[in-house]
Amino acid sequence: MRKLGLDVGDKTIGVAVSDELDITAQGVTTIDRVGIRKDAGKVMDYVREYDCDTVVMGLPINLDGSDSVQTEKVREFRTMLENKMRSSGMADVKVEWQDERFTTVIAERVLMEANMKRKSRKEVVDKQAAIIILQSYMDRVKNGK
């Protein structure tokens, strides 16, 4: 089964999915945020479409490890997603955290190195961040950390 990676922001949610062997992560889309319930429902659609057993969410914490304002918002989104999945017969889908410090910076660098123009980078940076979050999670699990 596959894994779904999420970079949850205020305006968008970057979405990535693993291959069936959990070796590589690929970008899927960027969801424009409209409301926490609808956004969680849209994520569930992708969980179903790609037959995922795990959702990996980036946890936005400060450099010193403390919570940020965004941390609480992402925790609320996770709670909504887990509740909706439980009530929809998807209780067996796990939701895991992955430290997302520096993922947006890394994503920007990757896109700049690919000579992507600034406007184009802005459109795909969240999807790229979701790829990095999911790949980091899979590498961590594979290495037993």
C-alpha atoms as a PDB file:
ATOM      1  CA  MET A   1       0.000   0.000   0.000  1.00  0.00           C
ATOM      2  CA  ARG A   2       1.065   3.549  -0.628  1.00  0.00           C
ATOM      3  CA  LYS A   3       1.700   6.526   1.615  1.00  0.00           C
ATOM      4  CA  LEU A   4       0.294  10.025   1.137  1.00  0.00           C
ATOM      5  CA  GLY A   5       2.419  13.027   2.116  1.00  0.00           C
ATOM      6  CA  LEU A   6       0.952  16.411   3.066  1.00  0.00           C
ATOM      7  CA  ASP A   7       2.396  19.883   3.476  1.00  0.00           C
ATOM      8  CA  VAL A   8      -0.499  21.679   5.184  1.00  0.00           C
ATOM      9  CA  GLY A   9      -0.421  25.459   4.899  1.00  0.00           C
ATOM     10  CA  ASP A  10      -2.929  28.259   5.438  1.00  0.00           C
ATOM     11  CA  LYS A  11      -3.729  28.688   1.738  1.00  0.00           C
ATOM     12  CA  THR A  12      -2.797  25.354   0.178  1.00  0.00           C
ATOM     13  CA  ILE A  13      -2.024  21.716   0.939  1.00  0.00           C
ATOM     14  CA  GLY A  14       0.775  20.108  -1.035  1.00  0.00           C
ATOM     15  CA  VAL A  15       0.100  16.434  -1.793  1.00  0.00           C
ATOM     16  CA  ALA A  16       2.568  13.677  -2.684  1.00  0.00           C
ATOM     17  CA  VAL A  17       2.245   9.911  -2.941  1.00  0.00           C
ATOM     18  CA  SER A  18       4.718   7.057  -2.646  1.00  0.00           C
ATOM     19  CA  ASP A  19       5.248   4.366  -5.222  1.00  0.00           C
ATOM     20  CA  GLU A  20       3.902   0.940  -4.285  1.00  0.00           C
ATOM     21  CA  LEU A  21       7.260  -0.159  -2.832  1.00  0.00           C
ATOM     22  CA  ASP A  22       7.623   2.978  -0.654  1.00  0.00           C
ATOM     23  CA  ILE A  23      10.914   3.871  -2.321  1.00  0.00           C
ATOM     24  CA  THR A  24      10.166   7.210  -3.983  1.00  0.00           C
ATOM     25  CA  ALA A  25       7.693  10.041  -3.508  1.00  0.00           C
ATOM     26  CA  GLN A  26       6.021  11.838  -6.406  1.00  0.00           C
ATOM     27  CA  GLY A  27       4.030  15.051  -6.393  1.00  0.00           C
ATOM     28  CA  VAL A  28       0.300  14.771  -6.983  1.00  0.00           C
ATOM     29  CA  THR A  29      -1.279  18.204  -6.649  1.00  0.00           C
ATOM     30  CA  THR A  30      -1.767  21.294  -4.558  1.00  0.00           C
ATOM     31  CA  ILE A  31      -5.180  21.650  -2.899  1.00  0.00           C
ATOM     32  CA  ASP A  32      -6.477  25.198  -2.510  1.00  0.00           C
ATOM     33  CA  ARG A  33      -7.815  25.536   1.047  1.00  0.00           C
ATOM     34  CA  VAL A  34     -11.546  26.299   1.330  1.00  0.00           C
ATOM     35  CA  GLY A  35     -12.392  25.039   4.820  1.00  0.00           C
ATOM     36  CA  ILE A  36     -11.054  22.431   7.212  1.00  0.00           C
ATOM     37  CA  ARG A  37     -13.901  19.915   6.665  1.00  0.00           C
ATOM     38  CA  LYS A  38     -13.849  20.130   2.867  1.00  0.00           C
ATOM     39  CA  ASP A  39     -10.058  20.088   2.818  1.00  0.00           C
ATOM     40  CA  ALA A  40      -9.993  16.926   4.950  1.00  0.00           C
ATOM     41  CA  GLY A  41     -12.575  15.367   2.623  1.00  0.00           C
ATOM     42  CA  LYS A  42     -10.394  16.162  -0.393  1.00  0.00           C
ATOM     43  CA  VAL A  43      -7.386  14.522   1.293  1.00  0.00           C
ATOM     44  CA  MET A  44      -9.536  11.450   1.973  1.00  0.00           C
ATOM     45  CA  ASP A  45     -10.383  11.308  -1.741  1.00  0.00           C
ATOM     46  CA  TYR A  46      -6.659  11.005  -2.489  1.00  0.00           C
ATOM     47  CA  VAL A  47      -6.208   8.365   0.229  1.00  0.00           C
ATOM     48  CA  ARG A  48      -8.908   6.307  -1.489  1.00  0.00           C
ATOM     49  CA  GLU A  49      -7.709   7.002  -5.038  1.00  0.00           C
ATOM     50  CA  TYR A  50      -4.145   5.889  -4.296  1.00  0.00           C
ATOM     51  CA  ASP A  51      -5.139   3.137  -1.815  1.00  0.00           C
ATOM     52  CA  CYS A  52      -2.980   4.569   0.997  1.00  0.00           C
ATOM     53  CA  ASP A  53      -2.496   2.989   4.401  1.00  0.00           C
ATOM     54  CA  THR A  54      -0.667   5.991   5.904  1.00  0.00           C
ATOM     55  CA  VAL A  55      -0.931   9.769   5.712  1.00  0.00           C
ATOM     56  CA  VAL A  56       2.312  11.567   6.556  1.00  0.00           C
ATOM     57  CA  MET A  57       1.853  15.165   7.651  1.00  0.00           C
ATOM     58  CA  GLY A  58       4.624  17.682   7.965  1.00  0.00           C
ATOM     59  CA  LEU A  59       4.838  19.054  11.499  1.00  0.00           C
ATOM     60  CA  PRO A  60       5.817  22.743  11.383  1.00  0.00           C
ATOM     61  CA  ILE A  61       7.820  23.343  14.532  1.00  0.00           C
ATOM     62  CA  ASN A  62      10.281  26.095  15.367  1.00  0.00           C
ATOM     63  CA  LEU A  63      14.016  25.544  14.997  1.00  0.00           C
ATOM     64  CA  ASP A  64      14.323  25.088  18.775  1.00  0.00           C
ATOM     65  CA  GLY A  65      11.673  22.334  18.680  1.00  0.00           C
ATOM     66  CA  SER A  66       8.885  24.401  20.205  1.00  0.00           C
ATOM     67  CA  ASP A  67       5.433  24.728  18.693  1.00  0.00           C
ATOM     68  CA  SER A  68       4.637  27.592  16.334  1.00  0.00           C
ATOM     69  CA  VAL A  69       1.270  29.178  15.555  1.00  0.00           C
ATOM     70  CA  GLN A  70       1.122  26.985  12.450  1.00  0.00           C
ATOM     71  CA  THR A  71       1.792  23.861  14.550  1.00  0.00           C
ATOM     72  CA  GLU A  72      -1.570  24.212  16.291  1.00  0.00           C
ATOM     73  CA  LYS A  73      -3.397  24.745  12.981  1.00  0.00           C
ATOM     74  CA  VAL A  74      -1.842  21.591  11.521  1.00  0.00           C
ATOM     75  CA  ARG A  75      -2.692  19.613  14.671  1.00  0.00           C
ATOM     76  CA  GLU A  76      -6.329  20.757  14.297  1.00  0.00           C
ATOM     77  CA  PHE A  77      -6.313  19.630  10.672  1.00  0.00           C
ATOM     78  CA  ARG A  78      -4.947  16.233  11.687  1.00  0.00           C
ATOM     79  CA  THR A  79      -7.682  15.840  14.302  1.00  0.00           C
ATOM     80  CA  MET A  80     -10.365  16.724  11.727  1.00  0.00           C
ATOM     81  CA  LEU A  81      -8.877  14.301   9.182  1.00  0.00           C
ATOM     82  CA  GLU A  82      -8.654  11.453  11.695  1.00  0.00           C
ATOM     83  CA  ASN A  83     -12.239  12.031  12.884  1.00  0.00           C
ATOM     84  CA  LYS A  84     -13.594  12.122   9.329  1.00  0.00           C
ATOM     85  CA  MET A  85     -11.669   8.983   8.381  1.00  0.00           C
ATOM     86  CA  ARG A  86     -12.913   7.169  11.491  1.00  0.00           C
ATOM     87  CA  SER A  87     -16.533   8.060  10.716  1.00  0.00           C
ATOM     88  CA  SER A  88     -16.082   7.050   7.062  1.00  0.00           C
ATOM     89  CA  GLY A  89     -14.796   3.538   7.701  1.00  0.00           C
ATOM     90  CA  MET A  90     -11.143   4.480   7.153  1.00  0.00           C
ATOM     91  CA  ALA A  91     -10.026   4.073  10.774  1.00  0.00           C
ATOM     92  CA  ASP A  92      -7.238   1.694   9.708  1.00  0.00           C
ATOM     93  CA  VAL A  93      -5.395   4.519   7.876  1.00  0.00           C
ATOM     94  CA  LYS A  94      -2.574   5.765  10.113  1.00  0.00           C
ATOM     95  CA  VAL A  95      -1.635   9.427  10.362  1.00  0.00           C
ATOM     96  CA  GLU A  96       2.035  10.051  11.122  1.00  0.00           C
ATOM     97  CA  TRP A  97       4.107  13.182  11.760  1.00  0.00           C
ATOM     98  CA  GLN A  98       7.301  14.136   9.956  1.00  0.00           C
ATOM     99  CA  ASP A  99       9.428  17.085  11.044  1.00  0.00           C
ATOM    100  CA  GLU A 100       9.145  19.600   8.234  1.00  0.00           C
ATOM    101  CA  ARG A 101      11.762  22.119   9.314  1.00  0.00           C
ATOM    102  CA  PHE A 102      13.534  23.471   6.223  1.00  0.00           C
ATOM    103  CA  THR A 103      11.339  21.568   3.727  1.00  0.00           C
ATOM    104  CA  THR A 104      10.062  24.724   2.030  1.00  0.00           C
ATOM    105  CA  VAL A 105      13.610  26.096   1.828  1.00  0.00           C
ATOM    106  CA  ILE A 106      14.856  22.811   0.359  1.00  0.00           C
ATOM    107  CA  ALA A 107      11.911  22.723  -2.059  1.00  0.00           C
ATOM    108  CA  GLU A 108      12.702  26.282  -3.214  1.00  0.00           C
ATOM    109  CA  ARG A 109      16.346  25.326  -3.804  1.00  0.00           C
ATOM    110  CA  VAL A 110      15.403  22.226  -5.789  1.00  0.00           C
ATOM    111  CA  LEU A 111      13.100  24.281  -7.993  1.00  0.00           C
ATOM    112  CA  MET A 112      15.676  27.072  -8.429  1.00  0.00           C
ATOM    113  CA  GLU A 113      18.325  24.535  -9.425  1.00  0.00           C
ATOM    114  CA  ALA A 114      15.873  23.280 -12.034  1.00  0.00           C
ATOM    115  CA  ASN A 115      15.874  26.866 -13.404  1.00  0.00           C
ATOM    116  CA  MET A 116      12.184  27.284 -12.674  1.00  0.00           C
ATOM    117  CA  LYS A 117      10.943  30.861 -12.829  1.00  0.00           C
ATOM    118  CA  ARG A 118       9.772  32.507  -9.597  1.00  0.00           C
ATOM    119  CA  LYS A 119       6.063  32.527 -10.548  1.00  0.00           C
ATOM    120  CA  SER A 120       6.164  28.854 -11.520  1.00  0.00           C
ATOM    121  CA  ARG A 121       8.018  27.953  -8.300  1.00  0.00           C
ATOM    122  CA  LYS A 122       5.305  29.592  -6.221  1.00  0.00           C
ATOM    123  CA  GLU A 123       2.697  27.363  -7.878  1.00  0.00           C
ATOM    124  CA  VAL A 124       4.490  24.082  -7.094  1.00  0.00           C
ATOM    125  CA  VAL A 125       6.580  24.723  -3.958  1.00  0.00           C
ATOM    126  CA  ASP A 126       3.974  23.172  -1.618  1.00  0.00           C
ATOM    127  CA  LYS A 127       3.759  20.026  -3.745  1.00  0.00           C
ATOM    128  CA  GLN A 128       7.571  19.827  -3.753  1.00  0.00           C
ATOM    129  CA  ALA A 129       7.599  20.283   0.043  1.00  0.00           C
ATOM    130  CA  ALA A 130       5.101  17.394   0.352  1.00  0.00           C
ATOM    131  CA  ILE A 131       7.467  15.219  -1.720  1.00  0.00           C
ATOM    132  CA  ILE A 132      10.349  16.064   0.628  1.00  0.00           C
ATOM    133  CA  ILE A 133       8.214  15.386   3.731  1.00  0.00           C
ATOM    134  CA  LEU A 134       7.093  11.998   2.415  1.00  0.00           C
ATOM    135  CA  GLN A 135      10.553  10.996   1.156  1.00  0.00           C
ATOM    136  CA  SER A 136      12.102  11.958   4.506  1.00  0.00           C
ATOM    137  CA  TYR A 137       9.518   9.833   6.320  1.00  0.00           C
ATOM    138  CA  MET A 138      10.085   6.803   4.087  1.00  0.00           C
ATOM    139  CA  ASP A 139      13.872   7.105   4.422  1.00  0.00           C
ATOM    140  CA  ARG A 140      13.550   7.409   8.215  1.00  0.00           C
ATOM    141  CA  VAL A 141      11.305   4.326   8.436  1.00  0.00           C
ATOM    142  CA  LYS A 142      13.567   2.340   6.098  1.00  0.00           C
ATOM    143  CA  ASN A 143      16.583   3.191   8.239  1.00  0.00           C
ATOM    144  CA  GLY A 144      14.728   2.235  11.408  1.00  0.00           C
ATOM    145  CA  LYS A 145      14.839   5.646  13.075  1.00  0.00           C
END
